[in-house]
Amino acid sequence: MQLDLNLLAALDALLEEGSVAGAADRLHVTAPAMSRSLGRIRRTTGDQILVRTGRTMTPTPYALAVREQVHDLLRQVQGVLAPSRELDLATLERTFTLRWHDALVALSGPALLAAVREQAPGVRLRFIAESSIDTPELRRGEVDLAANADRPTAPEIRADRVAETQHVIVVRRGHPLTRVKTVTAARYAAAEHITVSRRGRLGNIIDDALARLDLTRRVVATAPTERAALEFVRASDLLVTAPESTVRSAATDLGLVLLPLPLDLPPAPAYLSWHQRYDTDPAHIWLRDLARTALTSAMRGQGQTAR
């Protein structure tokens, strides 16, 4: 059976107005067009719907019985096909799952949560750790927002480059590099390094930059998070190279020193990513705006030229 939703709107108007002319005016169609719609409704339902009694038309018992149901169905259809884009934050109850790089959670997560709680107290945020392997949670709808340094490659995943920051060297106070006038690329390469990689990778773009200068470095360890790498740095002569914005606060807390990196590296980006299914979701748009503001403000506020 093929259904024409236009008939539902016509039936609702006919039952509300009680006449073909009134229903036609309500739906901004001609009276003959509404009369044809009534004929189709009668053939579909097997009921007369409206019958003439003198100069007026009276709904049949069937029409009276389904009037409220028809009205409710039409409202439901309109809600599906033309959903309201108004967002009532005061009554919004929803849990968002965010898979963010741990440094970005520490840097901007508190500001994001504070903004969410102030505007929509019924909203909860689930920050979950990044995986050591590529995962499809964004595509499956299990993660609402991702934030890290990687631009997604899947065409259905949206991505905004919300901020960027320069790389710096982090060492302990008294490290040999703090006692030289200039940290050259050769001195930098000669030091012992620890890298940050949740996948345990020993090499990265730094090694490519050094290779172009005919230099190599010795990486003695990897750590899964920046905070863990800083603990190694604090207790040894190891150095770690990391994005300035995400590492500055923790380095300061640990009494570590930031030095300029003597290599020509592109800035480290921060991408905010989500699945295209949420492009027009009002609540998701609201959260994206808050997350974008929190990330941008935090990275710009922390990003200062290393001394």
C-alpha atoms as a PDB file:
ATOM      1  CA  MET A   1       0.000   0.000   0.000  1.00  0.00           C
ATOM      2  CA  GLN A   2       1.435   3.351  -1.036  1.00  0.00           C
ATOM      3  CA  LEU A   3       0.796   6.140   1.453  1.00  0.00           C
ATOM      4  CA  ASP A   4       0.630   9.818   0.590  1.00  0.00           C
ATOM      5  CA  LEU A   5       1.388  11.899   3.654  1.00  0.00           C
ATOM      6  CA  ASN A   6      -0.350  14.837   1.972  1.00  0.00           C
ATOM      7  CA  LEU A   7      -3.592  12.962   2.574  1.00  0.00           C
ATOM      8  CA  LEU A   8      -2.891  12.967   6.299  1.00  0.00           C
ATOM      9  CA  ALA A   9      -2.578  16.756   6.283  1.00  0.00           C
ATOM     10  CA  ALA A  10      -5.727  17.043   4.178  1.00  0.00           C
ATOM     11  CA  LEU A  11      -7.670  14.736   6.488  1.00  0.00           C
ATOM     12  CA  ASP A  12      -6.571  16.697   9.529  1.00  0.00           C
ATOM     13  CA  ALA A  13      -7.657  19.971   7.921  1.00  0.00           C
ATOM     14  CA  LEU A  14     -11.011  18.500   6.821  1.00  0.00           C
ATOM     15  CA  LEU A  15     -11.777  17.199  10.291  1.00  0.00           C
ATOM     16  CA  GLU A  16     -10.735  20.465  11.935  1.00  0.00           C
ATOM     17  CA  GLU A  17     -12.604  22.758   9.528  1.00  0.00           C
ATOM     18  CA  GLY A  18     -15.606  20.550   8.769  1.00  0.00           C
ATOM     19  CA  SER A  19     -15.745  21.690   5.155  1.00  0.00           C
ATOM     20  CA  VAL A  20     -13.876  21.371   1.902  1.00  0.00           C
ATOM     21  CA  ALA A  21     -13.618  25.131   1.456  1.00  0.00           C
ATOM     22  CA  GLY A  22     -12.305  25.709   4.985  1.00  0.00           C
ATOM     23  CA  ALA A  23      -9.734  22.920   4.638  1.00  0.00           C
ATOM     24  CA  ALA A  24      -8.619  24.332   1.271  1.00  0.00           C
ATOM     25  CA  ASP A  25      -8.070  27.780   2.788  1.00  0.00           C
ATOM     26  CA  ARG A  26      -6.159  26.271   5.701  1.00  0.00           C
ATOM     27  CA  LEU A  27      -3.735  24.403   3.450  1.00  0.00           C
ATOM     28  CA  HIS A  28      -3.599  27.164   0.793  1.00  0.00           C
ATOM     29  CA  VAL A  29      -4.913  24.969  -2.020  1.00  0.00           C
ATOM     30  CA  THR A  30      -7.930  25.304  -4.293  1.00  0.00           C
ATOM     31  CA  ALA A  31     -11.322  23.897  -3.334  1.00  0.00           C
ATOM     32  CA  PRO A  32     -11.316  21.457  -6.311  1.00  0.00           C
ATOM     33  CA  ALA A  33      -7.900  20.146  -5.223  1.00  0.00           C
ATOM     34  CA  MET A  34      -9.173  19.595  -1.685  1.00  0.00           C
ATOM     35  CA  SER A  35     -12.288  17.915  -3.048  1.00  0.00           C
ATOM     36  CA  ARG A  36     -10.090  15.499  -4.986  1.00  0.00           C
ATOM     37  CA  SER A  37      -8.098  14.805  -1.818  1.00  0.00           C
ATOM     38  CA  LEU A  38     -11.315  14.025   0.048  1.00  0.00           C
ATOM     39  CA  GLY A  39     -12.248  11.589  -2.700  1.00  0.00           C
ATOM     40  CA  ARG A  40      -8.898   9.808  -2.355  1.00  0.00           C
ATOM     41  CA  ILE A  41      -9.275   9.680   1.432  1.00  0.00           C
ATOM     42  CA  ARG A  42     -12.740   8.124   1.042  1.00  0.00           C
ATOM     43  CA  ARG A  43     -11.405   5.474  -1.335  1.00  0.00           C
ATOM     44  CA  THR A  44      -8.445   4.726   0.953  1.00  0.00           C
ATOM     45  CA  THR A  45     -10.420   4.473   4.198  1.00  0.00           C
ATOM     46  CA  GLY A  46     -13.688   3.139   2.810  1.00  0.00           C
ATOM     47  CA  ASP A  47     -15.515   5.830   4.788  1.00  0.00           C
ATOM     48  CA  GLN A  48     -17.305   9.021   3.695  1.00  0.00           C
ATOM     49  CA  ILE A  49     -15.445  11.091   6.379  1.00  0.00           C
ATOM     50  CA  LEU A  50     -17.774  14.102   5.862  1.00  0.00           C
ATOM     51  CA  VAL A  51     -21.414  13.864   4.825  1.00  0.00           C
ATOM     52  CA  ARG A  52     -23.685  16.733   3.868  1.00  0.00           C
ATOM     53  CA  THR A  53     -26.507  17.620   6.256  1.00  0.00           C
ATOM     54  CA  GLY A  54     -28.355  20.588   4.837  1.00  0.00           C
ATOM     55  CA  ARG A  55     -25.903  23.404   4.154  1.00  0.00           C
ATOM     56  CA  THR A  56     -23.134  21.963   6.354  1.00  0.00           C
ATOM     57  CA  MET A  57     -21.015  18.820   6.433  1.00  0.00           C
ATOM     58  CA  THR A  58     -20.945  16.470   9.403  1.00  0.00           C
ATOM     59  CA  PRO A  59     -18.100  14.073  10.267  1.00  0.00           C
ATOM     60  CA  THR A  60     -18.961  10.398  10.285  1.00  0.00           C
ATOM     61  CA  PRO A  61     -18.576   8.291  13.450  1.00  0.00           C
ATOM     62  CA  TYR A  62     -15.290   6.932  12.034  1.00  0.00           C
ATOM     63  CA  ALA A  63     -14.026  10.461  11.409  1.00  0.00           C
ATOM     64  CA  LEU A  64     -14.883  11.512  14.946  1.00  0.00           C
ATOM     65  CA  ALA A  65     -13.137   8.428  16.330  1.00  0.00           C
ATOM     66  CA  VAL A  66      -9.851   9.056  14.487  1.00  0.00           C
ATOM     67  CA  ARG A  67      -9.744  12.873  14.638  1.00  0.00           C
ATOM     68  CA  GLU A  68      -7.368  13.090  17.624  1.00  0.00           C
ATOM     69  CA  GLN A  69      -5.257  10.231  16.319  1.00  0.00           C
ATOM     70  CA  VAL A  70      -4.896  11.910  12.930  1.00  0.00           C
ATOM     71  CA  HIS A  71      -3.880  15.183  14.563  1.00  0.00           C
ATOM     72  CA  ASP A  72      -1.263  13.458  16.735  1.00  0.00           C
ATOM     73  CA  LEU A  73       0.108  11.511  13.768  1.00  0.00           C
ATOM     74  CA  LEU A  74       0.460  14.669  11.732  1.00  0.00           C
ATOM     75  CA  ARG A  75       2.376  16.359  14.535  1.00  0.00           C
ATOM     76  CA  GLN A  76       4.692  13.348  14.779  1.00  0.00           C
ATOM     77  CA  VAL A  77       5.318  13.370  11.034  1.00  0.00           C
ATOM     78  CA  GLN A  78       6.036  17.088  11.097  1.00  0.00           C
ATOM     79  CA  GLY A  79       8.429  16.526  13.987  1.00  0.00           C
ATOM     80  CA  VAL A  80      10.348  13.954  11.953  1.00  0.00           C
ATOM     81  CA  LEU A  81      10.383  15.780   8.627  1.00  0.00           C
ATOM     82  CA  ALA A  82      10.749  19.299  10.010  1.00  0.00           C
ATOM     83  CA  PRO A  83      12.335  18.924  13.452  1.00  0.00           C
ATOM     84  CA  SER A  84      12.538  21.901  15.738  1.00  0.00           C
ATOM     85  CA  ARG A  85      16.007  23.425  15.908  1.00  0.00           C
ATOM     86  CA  GLU A  86      15.319  25.221  19.160  1.00  0.00           C
ATOM     87  CA  LEU A  87      17.498  24.017  22.003  1.00  0.00           C
ATOM     88  CA  ASP A  88      16.437  24.383  25.631  1.00  0.00           C
ATOM     89  CA  LEU A  89      19.718  24.046  27.507  1.00  0.00           C
ATOM     90  CA  ALA A  90      18.045  24.359  30.896  1.00  0.00           C
ATOM     91  CA  THR A  91      16.131  21.101  30.336  1.00  0.00           C
ATOM     92  CA  LEU A  92      18.620  19.292  28.093  1.00  0.00           C
ATOM     93  CA  GLU A  93      19.629  15.893  29.481  1.00  0.00           C
ATOM     94  CA  ARG A  94      22.286  14.109  27.468  1.00  0.00           C
ATOM     95  CA  THR A  95      25.619  12.365  27.910  1.00  0.00           C
ATOM     96  CA  PHE A  96      28.389  13.143  25.427  1.00  0.00           C
ATOM     97  CA  THR A  97      31.403  10.896  24.969  1.00  0.00           C
ATOM     98  CA  LEU A  98      34.684  12.637  24.133  1.00  0.00           C
ATOM     99  CA  ARG A  99      37.839  10.798  23.078  1.00  0.00           C
ATOM    100  CA  TRP A 100      40.515  13.452  23.490  1.00  0.00           C
ATOM    101  CA  HIS A 101      44.280  13.370  23.713  1.00  0.00           C
ATOM    102  CA  ASP A 102      45.154  13.279  27.419  1.00  0.00           C
ATOM    103  CA  ALA A 103      47.078  16.569  27.216  1.00  0.00           C
ATOM    104  CA  LEU A 104      44.079  18.317  25.647  1.00  0.00           C
ATOM    105  CA  VAL A 105      41.802  16.959  28.372  1.00  0.00           C
ATOM    106  CA  ALA A 106      44.101  18.343  31.054  1.00  0.00           C
ATOM    107  CA  LEU A 107      44.541  21.657  29.248  1.00  0.00           C
ATOM    108  CA  SER A 108      40.977  22.520  28.269  1.00  0.00           C
ATOM    109  CA  GLY A 109      38.699  19.877  29.781  1.00  0.00           C
ATOM    110  CA  PRO A 110      38.031  21.792  33.042  1.00  0.00           C
ATOM    111  CA  ALA A 111      37.023  24.949  31.158  1.00  0.00           C
ATOM    112  CA  LEU A 112      34.721  22.968  28.869  1.00  0.00           C
ATOM    113  CA  LEU A 113      33.055  21.187  31.780  1.00  0.00           C
ATOM    114  CA  ALA A 114      32.545  24.461  33.653  1.00  0.00           C
ATOM    115  CA  ALA A 115      30.867  26.044  30.613  1.00  0.00           C
ATOM    116  CA  VAL A 116      28.651  22.998  30.090  1.00  0.00           C
ATOM    117  CA  ARG A 117      27.567  22.875  33.730  1.00  0.00           C
ATOM    118  CA  GLU A 118      26.769  26.582  33.752  1.00  0.00           C
ATOM    119  CA  GLN A 119      24.603  26.452  30.624  1.00  0.00           C
ATOM    120  CA  ALA A 120      23.147  22.924  30.711  1.00  0.00           C
ATOM    121  CA  PRO A 121      23.335  21.314  34.172  1.00  0.00           C
ATOM    122  CA  GLY A 122      21.641  18.166  32.872  1.00  0.00           C
ATOM    123  CA  VAL A 123      24.466  17.388  30.431  1.00  0.00           C
ATOM    124  CA  ARG A 124      27.259  14.978  31.371  1.00  0.00           C
ATOM    125  CA  LEU A 125      30.658  14.566  29.705  1.00  0.00           C
ATOM    126  CA  ARG A 126      32.494  11.235  29.403  1.00  0.00           C
ATOM    127  CA  PHE A 127      36.172  11.799  28.628  1.00  0.00           C
ATOM    128  CA  ILE A 128      37.697   8.491  27.564  1.00  0.00           C
ATOM    129  CA  ALA A 129      41.320   7.633  26.824  1.00  0.00           C
ATOM    130  CA  GLU A 130      42.702   7.382  23.326  1.00  0.00           C
ATOM    131  CA  SER A 131      43.375   3.893  22.064  1.00  0.00           C
ATOM    132  CA  SER A 132      46.762   2.594  20.930  1.00  0.00           C
ATOM    133  CA  ILE A 133      45.122   1.523  17.665  1.00  0.00           C
ATOM    134  CA  ASP A 134      42.863   3.324  15.226  1.00  0.00           C
ATOM    135  CA  THR A 135      39.250   2.828  16.280  1.00  0.00           C
ATOM    136  CA  PRO A 136      35.946   3.445  14.439  1.00  0.00           C
ATOM    137  CA  GLU A 137      33.977   4.846  17.397  1.00  0.00           C
ATOM    138  CA  LEU A 138      33.209   8.104  15.582  1.00  0.00           C
ATOM    139  CA  ARG A 139      31.702   6.210  12.651  1.00  0.00           C
ATOM    140  CA  ARG A 140      29.721   3.924  14.961  1.00  0.00           C
ATOM    141  CA  GLY A 141      28.363   6.835  17.000  1.00  0.00           C
ATOM    142  CA  GLU A 142      30.069   5.665  20.201  1.00  0.00           C
ATOM    143  CA  VAL A 143      32.152   8.858  20.405  1.00  0.00           C
ATOM    144  CA  ASP A 144      30.622  12.299  19.893  1.00  0.00           C
ATOM    145  CA  LEU A 145      33.788  14.397  19.662  1.00  0.00           C
ATOM    146  CA  ALA A 146      37.447  13.548  19.169  1.00  0.00           C
ATOM    147  CA  ALA A 147      40.313  15.963  19.737  1.00  0.00           C
ATOM    148  CA  ASN A 148      43.937  15.238  18.870  1.00  0.00           C
ATOM    149  CA  ALA A 149      46.696  16.107  16.422  1.00  0.00           C
ATOM    150  CA  ASP A 150      45.466  13.855  13.614  1.00  0.00           C
ATOM    151  CA  ARG A 151      43.247  14.966  10.749  1.00  0.00           C
ATOM    152  CA  PRO A 152      40.731  12.197  10.001  1.00  0.00           C
ATOM    153  CA  THR A 153      40.916  10.654   6.538  1.00  0.00           C
ATOM    154  CA  ALA A 154      37.425   9.098   6.355  1.00  0.00           C
ATOM    155  CA  PRO A 155      35.158  11.268   4.172  1.00  0.00           C
ATOM    156  CA  GLU A 156      32.216  11.051   6.579  1.00  0.00           C
ATOM    157  CA  ILE A 157      34.249  12.483   9.490  1.00  0.00           C
ATOM    158  CA  ARG A 158      34.284  16.268   9.838  1.00  0.00           C
ATOM    159  CA  ALA A 159      37.334  18.029  11.276  1.00  0.00           C
ATOM    160  CA  ASP A 160      38.121  21.561  12.385  1.00  0.00           C
ATOM    161  CA  ARG A 161      41.706  22.677  12.930  1.00  0.00           C
ATOM    162  CA  VAL A 162      40.975  24.677  16.074  1.00  0.00           C
ATOM    163  CA  ALA A 163      44.497  25.622  17.177  1.00  0.00           C
ATOM    164  CA  GLU A 164      48.207  25.034  16.684  1.00  0.00           C
ATOM    165  CA  THR A 165      51.358  25.447  18.731  1.00  0.00           C
ATOM    166  CA  GLN A 166      55.116  25.269  18.309  1.00  0.00           C
ATOM    167  CA  HIS A 167      57.270  22.409  19.599  1.00  0.00           C
ATOM    168  CA  VAL A 168      59.670  22.972  22.484  1.00  0.00           C
ATOM    169  CA  ILE A 169      62.320  21.027  24.364  1.00  0.00           C
ATOM    170  CA  VAL A 170      61.600  20.122  27.994  1.00  0.00           C
ATOM    171  CA  VAL A 171      64.492  19.365  30.366  1.00  0.00           C
ATOM    172  CA  ARG A 172      65.170  19.363  34.101  1.00  0.00           C
ATOM    173  CA  ARG A 173      66.749  22.367  35.795  1.00  0.00           C
ATOM    174  CA  GLY A 174      70.512  22.046  35.552  1.00  0.00           C
ATOM    175  CA  HIS A 175      70.385  19.906  32.419  1.00  0.00           C
ATOM    176  CA  PRO A 176      73.532  20.377  30.273  1.00  0.00           C
ATOM    177  CA  LEU A 177      71.491  22.135  27.569  1.00  0.00           C
ATOM    178  CA  THR A 178      70.468  24.823  30.069  1.00  0.00           C
ATOM    179  CA  ARG A 179      74.123  25.770  30.524  1.00  0.00           C
ATOM    180  CA  VAL A 180      74.933  26.520  26.872  1.00  0.00           C
ATOM    181  CA  LYS A 181      74.359  29.866  25.198  1.00  0.00           C
ATOM    182  CA  THR A 182      72.555  28.371  22.199  1.00  0.00           C
ATOM    183  CA  VAL A 183      70.922  24.985  21.757  1.00  0.00           C
ATOM    184  CA  THR A 184      72.124  23.954  18.320  1.00  0.00           C
ATOM    185  CA  ALA A 185      70.696  21.116  16.281  1.00  0.00           C
ATOM    186  CA  ALA A 186      73.900  19.131  16.861  1.00  0.00           C
ATOM    187  CA  ARG A 187      73.708  19.559  20.640  1.00  0.00           C
ATOM    188  CA  TYR A 188      70.042  18.682  20.569  1.00  0.00           C
ATOM    189  CA  ALA A 189      70.691  15.503  18.573  1.00  0.00           C
ATOM    190  CA  ALA A 190      73.565  14.462  20.852  1.00  0.00           C
ATOM    191  CA  ALA A 191      71.312  14.418  23.951  1.00  0.00           C
ATOM    192  CA  GLU A 192      69.307  11.362  25.018  1.00  0.00           C
ATOM    193  CA  HIS A 193      65.625  11.528  24.158  1.00  0.00           C
ATOM    194  CA  ILE A 194      62.305  10.108  25.281  1.00  0.00           C
ATOM    195  CA  THR A 195      59.335  10.252  22.908  1.00  0.00           C
ATOM    196  CA  VAL A 196      55.613  10.389  23.590  1.00  0.00           C
ATOM    197  CA  SER A 197      53.635   7.770  21.703  1.00  0.00           C
ATOM    198  CA  ARG A 198      50.622   5.770  22.818  1.00  0.00           C
ATOM    199  CA  ARG A 199      51.652   3.251  20.153  1.00  0.00           C
ATOM    200  CA  GLY A 200      55.218   3.012  21.482  1.00  0.00           C
ATOM    201  CA  ARG A 201      56.855   4.472  18.386  1.00  0.00           C
ATOM    202  CA  LEU A 202      60.497   5.450  18.783  1.00  0.00           C
ATOM    203  CA  GLY A 203      60.638   7.737  15.747  1.00  0.00           C
ATOM    204  CA  ASN A 204      58.601  10.650  14.431  1.00  0.00           C
ATOM    205  CA  ILE A 205      58.891  13.789  12.281  1.00  0.00           C
ATOM    206  CA  ILE A 206      61.799  15.036  14.423  1.00  0.00           C
ATOM    207  CA  ASP A 207      64.005  12.266  13.059  1.00  0.00           C
ATOM    208  CA  ASP A 208      63.119  13.287   9.512  1.00  0.00           C
ATOM    209  CA  ALA A 209      64.092  16.897  10.257  1.00  0.00           C
ATOM    210  CA  LEU A 210      67.394  15.776  11.776  1.00  0.00           C
ATOM    211  CA  ALA A 211      68.117  13.501   8.817  1.00  0.00           C
ATOM    212  CA  ARG A 212      67.891  16.489   6.502  1.00  0.00           C
ATOM    213  CA  LEU A 213      70.761  17.969   8.547  1.00  0.00           C
ATOM    214  CA  ASP A 214      72.701  14.671   8.473  1.00  0.00           C
ATOM    215  CA  LEU A 215      72.043  14.221  12.187  1.00  0.00           C
ATOM    216  CA  THR A 216      70.548  11.389  14.193  1.00  0.00           C
ATOM    217  CA  ARG A 217      69.406  11.185  17.795  1.00  0.00           C
ATOM    218  CA  ARG A 218      69.244   8.399  20.350  1.00  0.00           C
ATOM    219  CA  VAL A 219      65.782   7.641  21.685  1.00  0.00           C
ATOM    220  CA  VAL A 220      66.164   5.530  24.822  1.00  0.00           C
ATOM    221  CA  ALA A 221      62.488   5.185  25.763  1.00  0.00           C
ATOM    222  CA  THR A 222      58.905   6.018  24.888  1.00  0.00           C
ATOM    223  CA  ALA A 223      56.064   6.998  27.206  1.00  0.00           C
ATOM    224  CA  PRO A 224      52.324   6.788  26.463  1.00  0.00           C
ATOM    225  CA  THR A 225      51.514  10.301  27.748  1.00  0.00           C
ATOM    226  CA  GLU A 226      53.243  13.644  28.043  1.00  0.00           C
ATOM    227  CA  ARG A 227      52.849  13.650  31.819  1.00  0.00           C
ATOM    228  CA  ALA A 228      54.603  10.289  32.105  1.00  0.00           C
ATOM    229  CA  ALA A 229      57.424  11.497  29.843  1.00  0.00           C
ATOM    230  CA  LEU A 230      57.900  14.582  32.044  1.00  0.00           C
ATOM    231  CA  GLU A 231      58.436  12.371  35.072  1.00  0.00           C
ATOM    232  CA  PHE A 232      61.290  10.636  33.251  1.00  0.00           C
ATOM    233  CA  VAL A 233      62.707  14.016  32.281  1.00  0.00           C
ATOM    234  CA  ARG A 234      62.519  15.321  35.847  1.00  0.00           C
ATOM    235  CA  ALA A 235      64.567  12.408  37.170  1.00  0.00           C
ATOM    236  CA  SER A 236      67.281  12.235  34.469  1.00  0.00           C
ATOM    237  CA  ASP A 237      69.147  14.008  31.690  1.00  0.00           C
ATOM    238  CA  LEU A 238      66.589  12.845  29.141  1.00  0.00           C
ATOM    239  CA  LEU A 239      64.774  15.457  27.117  1.00  0.00           C
ATOM    240  CA  VAL A 240      61.352  15.346  25.505  1.00  0.00           C
ATOM    241  CA  THR A 241      60.106  17.399  22.588  1.00  0.00           C
ATOM    242  CA  ALA A 242      56.434  18.305  22.836  1.00  0.00           C
ATOM    243  CA  PRO A 243      53.849  20.927  21.802  1.00  0.00           C
ATOM    244  CA  GLU A 244      54.357  24.007  23.948  1.00  0.00           C
ATOM    245  CA  SER A 245      50.696  24.666  24.721  1.00  0.00           C
ATOM    246  CA  THR A 246      49.954  21.215  26.047  1.00  0.00           C
ATOM    247  CA  VAL A 247      53.167  20.753  28.019  1.00  0.00           C
ATOM    248  CA  ARG A 248      53.848  24.174  29.558  1.00  0.00           C
ATOM    249  CA  SER A 249      51.533  23.954  32.581  1.00  0.00           C
ATOM    250  CA  ALA A 250      52.651  20.477  33.646  1.00  0.00           C
ATOM    251  CA  ALA A 251      56.309  21.340  33.069  1.00  0.00           C
ATOM    252  CA  THR A 252      55.973  24.418  35.258  1.00  0.00           C
ATOM    253  CA  ASP A 253      54.322  22.371  38.016  1.00  0.00           C
ATOM    254  CA  LEU A 254      57.242  19.939  37.939  1.00  0.00           C
ATOM    255  CA  GLY A 255      59.890  22.675  37.918  1.00  0.00           C
ATOM    256  CA  LEU A 256      61.093  21.831  34.420  1.00  0.00           C
ATOM    257  CA  VAL A 257      62.594  24.178  31.826  1.00  0.00           C
ATOM    258  CA  LEU A 258      61.337  24.852  28.298  1.00  0.00           C
ATOM    259  CA  LEU A 259      63.906  25.546  25.575  1.00  0.00           C
ATOM    260  CA  PRO A 260      63.449  26.537  21.930  1.00  0.00           C
ATOM    261  CA  LEU A 261      63.694  23.724  19.412  1.00  0.00           C
ATOM    262  CA  PRO A 262      66.505  24.327  16.878  1.00  0.00           C
ATOM    263  CA  LEU A 263      64.629  22.587  14.051  1.00  0.00           C
ATOM    264  CA  ASP A 264      62.248  23.820  11.403  1.00  0.00           C
ATOM    265  CA  LEU A 265      59.123  21.836  12.264  1.00  0.00           C
ATOM    266  CA  PRO A 266      55.539  22.646  11.304  1.00  0.00           C
ATOM    267  CA  PRO A 267      53.384  23.619  14.288  1.00  0.00           C
ATOM    268  CA  ALA A 268      51.524  20.880  16.122  1.00  0.00           C
ATOM    269  CA  PRO A 269      47.813  21.127  15.255  1.00  0.00           C
ATOM    270  CA  ALA A 270      44.733  20.306  17.313  1.00  0.00           C
ATOM    271  CA  TYR A 271      41.751  18.935  15.401  1.00  0.00           C
ATOM    272  CA  LEU A 272      38.189  18.643  16.658  1.00  0.00           C
ATOM    273  CA  SER A 273      36.447  15.772  14.834  1.00  0.00           C
ATOM    274  CA  TRP A 274      32.915  14.374  14.645  1.00  0.00           C
ATOM    275  CA  HIS A 275      30.719  12.256  12.375  1.00  0.00           C
ATOM    276  CA  GLN A 276      28.645  14.044   9.761  1.00  0.00           C
ATOM    277  CA  ARG A 277      25.436  12.604  11.274  1.00  0.00           C
ATOM    278  CA  TYR A 278      25.753  15.316  13.938  1.00  0.00           C
ATOM    279  CA  ASP A 279      26.200  18.238  11.519  1.00  0.00           C
ATOM    280  CA  THR A 280      22.722  19.655  12.194  1.00  0.00           C
ATOM    281  CA  ASP A 281      22.119  18.305  15.706  1.00  0.00           C
ATOM    282  CA  PRO A 282      21.485  21.454  17.806  1.00  0.00           C
ATOM    283  CA  ALA A 283      22.897  19.984  21.023  1.00  0.00           C
ATOM    284  CA  HIS A 284      25.988  18.713  19.252  1.00  0.00           C
ATOM    285  CA  ILE A 285      26.510  22.067  17.531  1.00  0.00           C
ATOM    286  CA  TRP A 286      26.299  23.753  20.931  1.00  0.00           C
ATOM    287  CA  LEU A 287      28.867  21.366  22.437  1.00  0.00           C
ATOM    288  CA  ARG A 288      31.193  21.737  19.437  1.00  0.00           C
ATOM    289  CA  ASP A 289      31.147  25.509  19.826  1.00  0.00           C
ATOM    290  CA  LEU A 290      32.008  25.262  23.516  1.00  0.00           C
ATOM    291  CA  ALA A 291      34.745  22.698  22.853  1.00  0.00           C
ATOM    292  CA  ARG A 292      36.225  24.801  20.056  1.00  0.00           C
ATOM    293  CA  THR A 293      36.316  27.843  22.323  1.00  0.00           C
ATOM    294  CA  ALA A 294      37.848  25.901  25.226  1.00  0.00           C
ATOM    295  CA  LEU A 295      40.573  24.348  23.065  1.00  0.00           C
ATOM    296  CA  THR A 296      41.424  27.540  21.210  1.00  0.00           C
ATOM    297  CA  SER A 297      41.516  29.699  24.343  1.00  0.00           C
ATOM    298  CA  ALA A 298      43.590  27.214  26.315  1.00  0.00           C
ATOM    299  CA  MET A 299      46.163  26.655  23.581  1.00  0.00           C
ATOM    300  CA  ARG A 300      46.505  30.337  22.793  1.00  0.00           C
ATOM    301  CA  GLY A 301      46.794  31.193  26.466  1.00  0.00           C
ATOM    302  CA  GLN A 302      49.500  28.603  27.083  1.00  0.00           C
ATOM    303  CA  GLY A 303      51.317  29.077  23.801  1.00  0.00           C
ATOM    304  CA  GLN A 304      54.142  31.507  24.515  1.00  0.00           C
ATOM    305  CA  THR A 305      57.589  31.735  23.009  1.00  0.00           C
ATOM    306  CA  ALA A 306      59.962  29.508  24.914  1.00  0.00           C
ATOM    307  CA  ARG A 307      62.766  31.255  26.660  1.00  0.00           C
END
